[in-house]
Amino acid sequence: MKFIRFLLFTFLLLSYSNMSAQNFDYFDTEREVYWGINKNSWGGLFGGGILKFSNKISDNMYSTLGFELVNIKHPKESKYSSAIGYGRTFIWGKKNYLFSVRGQYGREMILFSKKDEQGIRINAQLAAGPSIGLQVPYYLKYSRNNRMEIENFDPNTQTFNNVIGSASFFEGLGELKIKPGINIKAAINFEFSPSKSATALEVGFLGDFYPGGVNIMPTAREYSFYPTAFITLFYGRKY
């Protein structure tokens, strides 16, 4: 499994870096704060937002505390244009949105340190923590008996050609359900800012697990585990 191989590779890099810590000769920040935007394989064009705090605990190690809010989409989701809604779009078969609020605590180790301020610092990170899944009903504007109705998706009573378009996200917000879970992340971070205003790029794998599964699309497979590859662009400050 690619995710397991990535974890093993990261572990080996961490072990190697720990033995060669004496080579890190450019690391002079005690704290770092980052905020970023995420693109992942379950989240569509824009995955979500991330906030990360890092604190120096040794010459080559940070402790990290992160918070993420991301939109998780089912892989079978597709947008369609309505035949009766003047080009309005909707997702046929979608019953619920799923948003994941993640907390993560971990360690980030320097693999390759900067030799000067124009260099690139490469870190490896392992983190884990709780995930709070927010399941929000997805509503459609539906033509029924020549009247527009706001309805949650039901394959037993609705037909594709009678959908006018997607209803407002706020229609289902009052019916929000909490899905508790856990997450684990392994990533490589490239920090390349020459100043105290930090810029970084992070790539890696993350897995969310929700016991009992989450019903996003009732006519497709239901998942409990959501493994995802991601890329995040970070901005922040070093202190």
Protein backbone atom coordinates (compact mmCIF):
# COMPACT_ATOMS: atom_id res chain seq x y z
CA MET A 1 0.00 0.00 0.00
CA LYS A 2 1.48 3.37 -1.07
CA PHE A 3 0.50 5.12 2.17
CA ILE A 4 2.29 2.48 4.32
CA ARG A 5 5.40 2.61 2.11
CA PHE A 6 5.45 6.41 2.45
CA LEU A 7 5.30 6.11 6.25
CA LEU A 8 8.18 3.61 6.27
CA PHE A 9 10.24 5.83 3.98
CA THR A 10 9.60 8.84 6.21
CA PHE A 11 10.56 6.85 9.30
CA LEU A 12 13.87 5.85 7.73
CA LEU A 13 14.59 9.46 6.81
CA LEU A 14 13.81 10.57 10.35
CA SER A 15 16.15 7.92 11.76
CA TYR A 16 18.95 8.93 9.39
CA SER A 17 18.48 12.61 10.19
CA ASN A 18 18.63 11.94 13.92
CA MET A 19 22.04 10.28 13.53
CA SER A 20 23.40 13.17 11.49
CA ALA A 21 21.96 16.07 13.48
CA GLN A 22 25.41 17.62 13.88
CA ASN A 23 25.25 18.73 10.22
CA PHE A 24 22.46 21.25 10.86
CA ASP A 25 24.20 24.56 11.02
CA TYR A 26 21.43 26.98 10.05
CA PHE A 27 18.43 26.85 12.38
CA ASP A 28 17.82 30.00 14.39
CA THR A 29 14.05 30.26 14.83
CA GLU A 30 12.31 29.27 18.06
CA ARG A 31 8.69 29.42 16.81
CA GLU A 32 6.92 29.37 13.47
CA VAL A 33 3.28 30.08 12.62
CA TYR A 34 1.81 29.05 9.26
CA TRP A 35 -1.55 29.34 7.54
CA GLY A 36 -2.23 27.70 4.23
CA ILE A 37 -4.62 26.49 1.54
CA ASN A 38 -4.93 22.85 0.63
CA LYS A 39 -5.55 20.79 -2.51
CA ASN A 40 -6.25 17.11 -1.96
CA SER A 41 -7.53 14.09 -3.83
CA TRP A 42 -10.91 14.06 -1.99
CA GLY A 43 -11.54 17.79 -1.88
CA GLY A 44 -12.10 19.04 -5.42
CA LEU A 45 -10.43 22.21 -6.73
CA PHE A 46 -10.05 23.76 -3.27
CA GLY A 47 -9.64 21.40 -0.33
CA GLY A 48 -9.68 23.70 2.69
CA GLY A 49 -7.65 25.81 5.11
CA ILE A 50 -4.88 24.93 7.56
CA LEU A 51 -3.27 26.59 10.58
CA LYS A 52 -0.02 25.20 12.00
CA PHE A 53 2.15 26.17 14.98
CA SER A 54 5.72 24.89 15.35
CA ASN A 55 8.00 25.16 18.41
CA LYS A 56 11.69 24.29 18.55
CA ILE A 57 12.42 21.50 21.04
CA SER A 58 15.97 20.60 19.94
CA ASP A 59 18.55 21.63 17.35
CA ASN A 60 16.79 19.68 14.60
CA MET A 61 13.26 19.08 15.87
CA TYR A 62 9.93 20.93 16.14
CA SER A 63 6.80 19.98 17.98
CA THR A 64 3.78 20.85 15.84
CA LEU A 65 0.15 21.66 16.54
CA GLY A 66 -2.17 21.90 13.56
CA PHE A 67 -5.82 22.59 12.77
CA GLU A 68 -7.50 21.87 9.46
CA LEU A 69 -10.94 22.46 7.97
CA VAL A 70 -11.43 20.60 4.69
CA ASN A 71 -14.26 19.56 2.42
CA ILE A 72 -14.33 15.81 1.68
CA LYS A 73 -16.09 14.82 -1.54
CA HIS A 74 -17.13 11.37 -2.70
CA PRO A 75 -15.07 10.19 -5.73
CA LYS A 76 -18.31 9.59 -7.67
CA GLU A 77 -19.50 13.19 -7.38
CA SER A 78 -20.11 14.96 -10.69
CA LYS A 79 -21.76 18.27 -11.47
CA TYR A 80 -24.58 18.42 -14.01
CA SER A 81 -26.44 21.29 -15.63
CA SER A 82 -30.20 21.33 -15.12
CA ALA A 83 -32.43 20.95 -18.18
CA ILE A 84 -35.11 23.13 -16.55
CA GLY A 85 -33.03 25.38 -14.32
CA TYR A 86 -31.52 27.71 -16.93
CA GLY A 87 -28.02 26.27 -16.58
CA ARG A 88 -28.02 25.86 -12.81
CA THR A 89 -25.81 23.03 -11.61
CA PHE A 90 -26.34 20.21 -9.11
CA ILE A 91 -24.75 16.94 -7.98
CA TRP A 92 -27.01 14.01 -8.71
CA GLY A 93 -26.89 11.30 -6.04
CA LYS A 94 -25.37 13.47 -3.28
CA LYS A 95 -27.22 13.32 0.04
CA ASN A 96 -24.76 14.93 2.46
CA TYR A 97 -21.77 17.24 2.57
CA LEU A 98 -18.85 16.10 4.69
CA PHE A 99 -16.47 18.60 6.27
CA SER A 100 -13.58 17.45 8.43
CA VAL A 101 -12.28 19.53 11.33
CA ARG A 102 -8.91 18.03 12.28
CA GLY A 103 -6.61 18.54 15.21
CA GLN A 104 -3.05 17.26 14.84
CA TYR A 105 -0.10 16.99 17.19
CA GLY A 106 3.22 15.71 15.96
CA ARG A 107 6.91 16.09 15.30
CA GLU A 108 8.71 17.76 12.41
CA MET A 109 12.38 16.96 11.89
CA ILE A 110 14.88 18.78 9.70
CA LEU A 111 16.19 16.47 6.99
CA PHE A 112 18.28 19.07 5.17
CA SER A 113 19.12 22.40 6.76
CA LYS A 114 19.71 25.72 5.04
CA LYS A 115 23.35 26.63 4.52
CA ASP A 116 22.39 30.25 3.98
CA GLU A 117 19.20 32.33 3.88
CA GLN A 118 18.69 31.66 0.16
CA GLY A 119 18.66 27.90 0.67
CA ILE A 120 15.80 25.44 1.09
CA ARG A 121 15.08 23.67 4.34
CA ILE A 122 13.44 20.24 4.01
CA ASN A 123 11.50 18.79 6.94
CA ALA A 124 9.65 15.52 7.49
CA GLN A 125 6.51 15.50 9.62
CA LEU A 126 4.42 12.85 11.35
CA ALA A 127 1.24 13.92 13.13
CA ALA A 128 -2.04 12.49 14.36
CA GLY A 129 -5.14 13.57 16.21
CA PRO A 130 -8.94 13.67 16.35
CA SER A 131 -11.19 14.38 13.38
CA ILE A 132 -14.65 15.85 13.79
CA GLY A 133 -16.77 15.07 10.75
CA LEU A 134 -19.57 17.56 10.06
CA GLN A 135 -22.28 15.84 8.03
CA VAL A 136 -24.65 18.43 6.53
CA PRO A 137 -27.64 17.46 4.34
CA TYR A 138 -27.37 18.47 0.68
CA TYR A 139 -30.62 19.92 -0.69
CA LEU A 140 -31.92 20.20 -4.24
CA LYS A 141 -34.41 22.56 -5.83
CA TYR A 142 -36.88 20.11 -7.34
CA SER A 143 -39.84 20.57 -9.68
CA ARG A 144 -42.85 18.70 -8.32
CA ASN A 145 -46.39 19.23 -9.67
CA ASN A 146 -45.21 22.43 -11.40
CA ARG A 147 -43.97 23.84 -8.09
CA MET A 148 -40.43 24.22 -6.81
CA GLU A 149 -39.70 22.20 -3.67
CA ILE A 150 -36.53 22.11 -1.55
CA GLU A 151 -35.72 18.45 -0.95
CA ASN A 152 -32.90 16.24 0.23
CA PHE A 153 -31.86 13.65 -2.35
CA ASP A 154 -34.12 10.57 -2.49
CA PRO A 155 -33.66 8.16 -5.43
CA ASN A 156 -37.07 6.60 -4.71
CA THR A 157 -39.07 9.78 -5.29
CA GLN A 158 -36.92 11.97 -7.54
CA THR A 159 -35.88 11.86 -11.19
CA PHE A 160 -32.83 13.46 -12.78
CA ASN A 161 -34.77 15.55 -15.31
CA ASN A 162 -36.89 17.30 -12.65
CA VAL A 163 -33.96 18.81 -10.74
CA ILE A 164 -33.77 22.60 -11.04
CA GLY A 165 -30.42 23.00 -9.27
CA SER A 166 -28.64 22.95 -5.93
CA ALA A 167 -30.29 24.68 -2.99
CA SER A 168 -28.39 26.91 -0.59
CA PHE A 169 -25.87 25.23 1.70
CA PHE A 170 -27.68 26.81 4.67
CA GLU A 171 -30.85 24.78 3.99
CA GLY A 172 -29.32 21.76 5.72
CA LEU A 173 -27.14 23.48 8.30
CA GLY A 174 -29.72 23.09 11.06
CA GLU A 175 -29.61 19.29 10.59
CA LEU A 176 -25.84 18.99 11.06
CA LYS A 177 -24.61 15.72 12.55
CA ILE A 178 -21.26 15.07 14.24
CA LYS A 179 -19.13 12.12 13.13
CA PRO A 180 -16.14 11.60 15.46
CA GLY A 181 -13.00 10.08 14.00
CA ILE A 182 -9.21 10.14 13.95
CA ASN A 183 -6.54 11.17 11.45
CA ILE A 184 -2.84 10.53 10.78
CA LYS A 185 -0.55 12.53 8.49
CA ALA A 186 2.90 12.02 6.97
CA ALA A 187 4.41 14.87 4.96
CA ILE A 188 7.53 16.47 3.52
CA ASN A 189 7.83 20.25 3.95
CA PHE A 190 9.95 22.59 1.77
CA GLU A 191 10.58 25.99 3.39
CA PHE A 192 12.27 28.47 1.05
CA SER A 193 11.72 31.96 2.42
CA PRO A 194 14.85 34.11 2.91
CA SER A 195 13.28 36.26 5.63
CA LYS A 196 11.16 36.07 8.75
CA SER A 197 8.09 36.02 6.52
CA ALA A 198 7.98 32.29 5.76
CA THR A 199 6.78 30.53 2.62
CA ALA A 200 6.58 26.75 2.40
CA LEU A 201 5.19 23.92 0.30
CA GLU A 202 4.06 20.68 1.91
CA VAL A 203 3.20 17.40 0.18
CA GLY A 204 2.17 14.11 1.71
CA PHE A 205 -0.53 11.64 2.64
CA LEU A 206 -3.30 11.81 5.21
CA GLY A 207 -5.93 9.34 6.35
CA ASP A 208 -9.26 10.10 8.06
CA PHE A 209 -11.12 7.25 9.75
CA TYR A 210 -14.79 7.53 10.79
CA PRO A 211 -16.15 4.40 12.52
CA GLY A 212 -19.46 3.37 10.99
CA GLY A 213 -18.87 5.27 7.76
CA VAL A 214 -20.33 8.49 6.37
CA ASN A 215 -23.28 8.50 3.97
CA ILE A 216 -22.33 11.06 1.31
CA MET A 217 -23.91 9.32 -1.70
CA PRO A 218 -26.43 6.56 -0.86
CA THR A 219 -26.32 5.07 -4.38
CA ALA A 220 -22.51 4.62 -4.28
CA ARG A 221 -20.02 2.94 -1.96
CA GLU A 222 -19.93 4.23 1.61
CA TYR A 223 -16.49 4.80 3.13
CA SER A 224 -15.14 4.77 6.67
CA PHE A 225 -11.52 5.47 5.72
CA TYR A 226 -10.57 8.42 3.51
CA PRO A 227 -6.89 8.26 2.46
CA THR A 228 -5.76 11.29 0.53
CA ALA A 229 -2.69 12.74 -1.14
CA PHE A 230 -2.37 16.48 -0.64
CA ILE A 231 -0.36 19.58 -1.41
CA THR A 232 -0.49 22.69 0.77
CA LEU A 233 0.88 26.17 0.16
CA PHE A 234 1.86 27.86 3.43
CA TYR A 235 2.56 31.44 4.43
CA GLY A 236 3.60 32.55 7.88
CA ARG A 237 6.09 34.07 10.29
CA LYS A 238 9.26 32.83 11.97
CA TYR A 239 10.29 34.09 15.39
